[in-house]
C-alpha atoms as a PDB file:
ATOM      1  CA  MET A   1      55.991 -43.842 -40.533  1.00  0.00           C
ATOM      2  CA  LYS A   2      53.092 -46.305 -40.458  1.00  0.00           C
ATOM      3  CA  LEU A   3      55.567 -49.148 -40.837  1.00  0.00           C
ATOM      4  CA  ILE A   4      57.599 -48.005 -37.827  1.00  0.00           C
ATOM      5  CA  LYS A   5      54.422 -47.669 -35.699  1.00  0.00           C
ATOM      6  CA  SER A   6      53.308 -51.180 -36.720  1.00  0.00           C
ATOM      7  CA  ILE A   7      56.706 -52.672 -35.903  1.00  0.00           C
ATOM      8  CA  LEU A   8      56.823 -50.852 -32.558  1.00  0.00           C
ATOM      9  CA  PHE A   9      53.268 -51.967 -31.714  1.00  0.00           C
ATOM     10  CA  GLY A  10      54.133 -55.556 -32.666  1.00  0.00           C
ATOM     11  CA  ALA A  11      57.278 -55.484 -30.526  1.00  0.00           C
ATOM     12  CA  ILE A  12      55.390 -54.162 -27.474  1.00  0.00           C
ATOM     13  CA  LEU A  13      52.643 -56.724 -27.979  1.00  0.00           C
ATOM     14  CA  SER A  14      55.240 -59.516 -28.245  1.00  0.00           C
ATOM     15  CA  LEU A  15      56.969 -58.386 -25.036  1.00  0.00           C
ATOM     16  CA  PHE A  16      53.604 -58.378 -23.256  1.00  0.00           C
ATOM     17  CA  PHE A  17      52.865 -61.975 -24.253  1.00  0.00           C
ATOM     18  CA  ILE A  18      56.384 -63.121 -23.403  1.00  0.00           C
ATOM     19  CA  ALA A  19      56.213 -61.507 -19.955  1.00  0.00           C
ATOM     20  CA  CYS A  20      52.814 -63.056 -19.208  1.00  0.00           C
ATOM     21  CA  GLY A  21      53.995 -66.447 -20.469  1.00  0.00           C
ATOM     22  CA  ASN A  22      57.002 -66.451 -18.097  1.00  0.00           C
ATOM     23  CA  ASP A  23      54.743 -65.903 -15.078  1.00  0.00           C
ATOM     24  CA  LYS A  24      52.722 -68.972 -15.953  1.00  0.00           C
ATOM     25  CA  VAL A  25      55.837 -71.117 -16.398  1.00  0.00           C
ATOM     26  CA  GLU A  26      57.358 -69.897 -13.117  1.00  0.00           C
ATOM     27  CA  GLY A  27      54.077 -70.484 -11.308  1.00  0.00           C
ATOM     28  CA  LYS A  28      54.268 -74.164 -12.245  1.00  0.00           C
ATOM     29  CA  LYS A  29      57.842 -74.429 -10.977  1.00  0.00           C
ATOM     30  CA  ASN A  30      57.086 -73.000  -7.541  1.00  0.00           C
ATOM     31  CA  LYS A  31      55.682 -75.512  -5.106  1.00  0.00           C
ATOM     32  CA  VAL A  32      53.006 -74.487  -2.684  1.00  0.00           C
ATOM     33  CA  VAL A  33      54.277 -74.722   0.874  1.00  0.00           C
ATOM     34  CA  VAL A  34      51.635 -75.132   3.526  1.00  0.00           C
ATOM     35  CA  GLU A  35      52.766 -74.096   6.972  1.00  0.00           C
ATOM     36  CA  LYS A  36      50.982 -75.644   9.896  1.00  0.00           C
ATOM     37  CA  VAL A  37      50.219 -73.186  12.631  1.00  0.00           C
ATOM     38  CA  LEU A  38      50.059 -74.853  16.001  1.00  0.00           C
ATOM     39  CA  ALA A  39      48.385 -73.341  19.002  1.00  0.00           C
ATOM     40  CA  GLU A  40      50.905 -71.967  21.455  1.00  0.00           C
ATOM     41  CA  ASN A  41      51.746 -74.174  24.402  1.00  0.00           C
ATOM     42  CA  ILE A  42      52.848 -71.499  26.875  1.00  0.00           C
ATOM     43  CA  LYS A  43      54.849 -72.633  29.911  1.00  0.00           C
ATOM     44  CA  ASN A  44      56.788 -70.877  32.665  1.00  0.00           C
ATOM     45  CA  VAL A  45      60.057 -72.020  34.192  1.00  0.00           C
ATOM     46  CA  GLU A  46      62.094 -70.672  37.057  1.00  0.00           C
ATOM     47  CA  VAL A  47      65.811 -71.263  36.564  1.00  0.00           C
ATOM     48  CA  GLN A  48      68.511 -71.055  39.239  1.00  0.00           C
ATOM     49  CA  ILE A  49      71.672 -69.679  37.625  1.00  0.00           C
ATOM     50  CA  LYS A  50      75.131 -70.000  39.167  1.00  0.00           C
ATOM     51  CA  GLY A  51      78.182 -67.999  38.116  1.00  0.00           C
ATOM     52  CA  MET A  52      76.716 -64.493  37.716  1.00  0.00           C
ATOM     53  CA  THR A  53      78.964 -61.768  39.134  1.00  0.00           C
ATOM     54  CA  CYS A  54      77.035 -58.613  38.192  1.00  0.00           C
ATOM     55  CA  GLU A  55      73.666 -57.273  37.072  1.00  0.00           C
ATOM     56  CA  ILE A  56      74.528 -55.656  33.748  1.00  0.00           C
ATOM     57  CA  GLY A  57      77.300 -57.872  32.396  1.00  0.00           C
ATOM     58  CA  CYS A  58      75.841 -61.201  33.487  1.00  0.00           C
ATOM     59  CA  ALA A  59      72.117 -61.041  34.208  1.00  0.00           C
ATOM     60  CA  ARG A  60      71.274 -58.709  31.312  1.00  0.00           C
ATOM     61  CA  LEU A  61      73.493 -60.676  28.916  1.00  0.00           C
ATOM     62  CA  ILE A  62      71.729 -63.940  29.779  1.00  0.00           C
ATOM     63  CA  GLN A  63      68.348 -62.226  29.548  1.00  0.00           C
ATOM     64  CA  SER A  64      69.249 -60.835  26.110  1.00  0.00           C
ATOM     65  CA  LYS A  65      70.338 -64.257  24.824  1.00  0.00           C
ATOM     66  CA  LEU A  66      67.101 -65.805  26.081  1.00  0.00           C
ATOM     67  CA  TYR A  67      64.985 -63.205  24.280  1.00  0.00           C
ATOM     68  CA  LYS A  68      66.804 -64.060  21.039  1.00  0.00           C
ATOM     69  CA  ALA A  69      65.978 -67.761  21.358  1.00  0.00           C
ATOM     70  CA  ASP A  70      63.107 -68.841  19.110  1.00  0.00           C
ATOM     71  CA  GLY A  71      60.047 -69.563  21.239  1.00  0.00           C
ATOM     72  CA  VAL A  72      60.956 -67.486  24.308  1.00  0.00           C
ATOM     73  CA  LYS A  73      58.155 -65.010  25.029  1.00  0.00           C
ATOM     74  CA  PHE A  74      59.460 -63.414  28.246  1.00  0.00           C
ATOM     75  CA  ALA A  75      62.722 -63.523  30.160  1.00  0.00           C
ATOM     76  CA  LYS A  76      63.667 -61.787  33.409  1.00  0.00           C
ATOM     77  CA  VAL A  77      66.992 -62.596  35.060  1.00  0.00           C
ATOM     78  CA  SER A  78      67.746 -61.297  38.546  1.00  0.00           C
ATOM     79  CA  PHE A  79      71.358 -61.105  39.669  1.00  0.00           C
ATOM     80  CA  ALA A  80      70.328 -60.517  43.310  1.00  0.00           C
ATOM     81  CA  ASP A  81      68.212 -63.676  43.423  1.00  0.00           C
ATOM     82  CA  SER A  82      70.296 -65.748  40.949  1.00  0.00           C
ATOM     83  CA  ILE A  83      67.016 -66.665  39.289  1.00  0.00           C
ATOM     84  CA  GLY A  84      65.655 -66.382  35.790  1.00  0.00           C
ATOM     85  CA  ASN A  85      61.954 -66.415  35.002  1.00  0.00           C
ATOM     86  CA  ILE A  86      61.206 -67.521  31.466  1.00  0.00           C
ATOM     87  CA  THR A  87      57.912 -67.853  29.608  1.00  0.00           C
ATOM     88  CA  TYR A  88      58.166 -69.910  26.446  1.00  0.00           C
ATOM     89  CA  ASP A  89      56.192 -71.746  23.787  1.00  0.00           C
ATOM     90  CA  ALA A  90      56.853 -75.442  24.389  1.00  0.00           C
ATOM     91  CA  ASN A  91      55.985 -76.177  20.742  1.00  0.00           C
ATOM     92  CA  ARG A  92      59.040 -74.177  19.633  1.00  0.00           C
ATOM     93  CA  ILE A  93      61.615 -74.629  22.422  1.00  0.00           C
ATOM     94  CA  SER A  94      61.972 -76.988  25.384  1.00  0.00           C
ATOM     95  CA  ALA A  95      63.110 -76.368  28.945  1.00  0.00           C
ATOM     96  CA  VAL A  96      66.285 -78.351  28.206  1.00  0.00           C
ATOM     97  CA  GLU A  97      67.028 -76.087  25.245  1.00  0.00           C
ATOM     98  CA  ILE A  98      66.520 -73.034  27.462  1.00  0.00           C
ATOM     99  CA  LYS A  99      69.028 -74.515  29.909  1.00  0.00           C
ATOM    100  CA  ASP A 100      71.472 -75.004  27.010  1.00  0.00           C
ATOM    101  CA  VAL A 101      71.025 -71.387  25.865  1.00  0.00           C
ATOM    102  CA  ILE A 102      71.931 -70.136  29.357  1.00  0.00           C
ATOM    103  CA  GLN A 103      74.913 -72.432  29.766  1.00  0.00           C
ATOM    104  CA  LYS A 104      76.316 -71.518  26.319  1.00  0.00           C
ATOM    105  CA  VAL A 105      76.358 -67.766  27.054  1.00  0.00           C
ATOM    106  CA  ALA A 106      79.913 -66.352  27.034  1.00  0.00           C
ATOM    107  CA  GLY A 107      81.440 -69.499  25.597  1.00  0.00           C
ATOM    108  CA  GLY A 108      79.828 -71.929  28.027  1.00  0.00           C
ATOM    109  CA  ASP A 109      82.353 -71.645  30.871  1.00  0.00           C
ATOM    110  CA  LEU A 110      80.745 -69.065  33.183  1.00  0.00           C
ATOM    111  CA  TYR A 111      77.109 -69.885  33.870  1.00  0.00           C
ATOM    112  CA  LYS A 112      75.533 -73.109  35.098  1.00  0.00           C
ATOM    113  CA  VAL A 113      71.877 -73.927  35.603  1.00  0.00           C
ATOM    114  CA  ALA A 114      71.570 -75.341  39.123  1.00  0.00           C
ATOM    115  CA  GLY A 115      67.844 -75.967  38.955  1.00  0.00           C
ATOM    116  CA  LEU A 116      64.943 -75.666  36.568  1.00  0.00           C
ATOM    117  CA  ILE A 117      61.384 -75.799  37.881  1.00  0.00           C
ATOM    118  CA  GLU A 118      58.186 -75.479  35.871  1.00  0.00           C
ATOM    119  CA  VAL A 119      55.898 -73.018  37.671  1.00  0.00           C
ATOM    120  CA  GLU A 120      52.339 -71.825  37.274  1.00  0.00           C
ATOM    121  CA  ASN A 121      53.084 -68.199  38.255  1.00  0.00           C
ATOM    122  CA  PHE A 122      56.338 -66.414  38.987  1.00  0.00           C
ATOM    123  CA  LYS A 123      57.368 -65.086  42.382  1.00  0.00           C
ATOM    124  CA  GLU A 124      58.144 -61.369  42.432  1.00  0.00           C
ATOM    125  CA  LEU A 125      61.841 -60.759  41.779  1.00  0.00           C
ATOM    126  CA  ASN A 126      63.689 -58.166  43.897  1.00  0.00           C
ATOM    127  CA  SER A 127      65.430 -56.284  41.099  1.00  0.00           C
ATOM    128  CA  GLN A 128      63.704 -54.017  38.601  1.00  0.00           C
ATOM    129  CA  GLN A 129      64.032 -54.449  34.850  1.00  0.00           C
END
């Protein structure tokens, strides 16, 4: 009985050392990745969008695609005004990339950006979100 307890204790002790040894080896393999965090460079653009035919199918679809774009903080698209107001982090996405996101919605054949103006503050849009 003592022999079985000694063997069992030795096996558990061996597993403990093996498990701890693997962590040290893996720790050397993993490289430390330092991510630089830049301060946000928040900008606002007002975009004139041509080709929208309805509020829900067009304006909300474009607005949804903009919100999914990395770096877009706020997006409001008004069908009635044919305007989109977008707030974005210029360190993560550019105004040209925002234009591309809009023009690629629905395969790229329906919507065109007629104008893109950087603004300090947005004008009030007619439609409600």
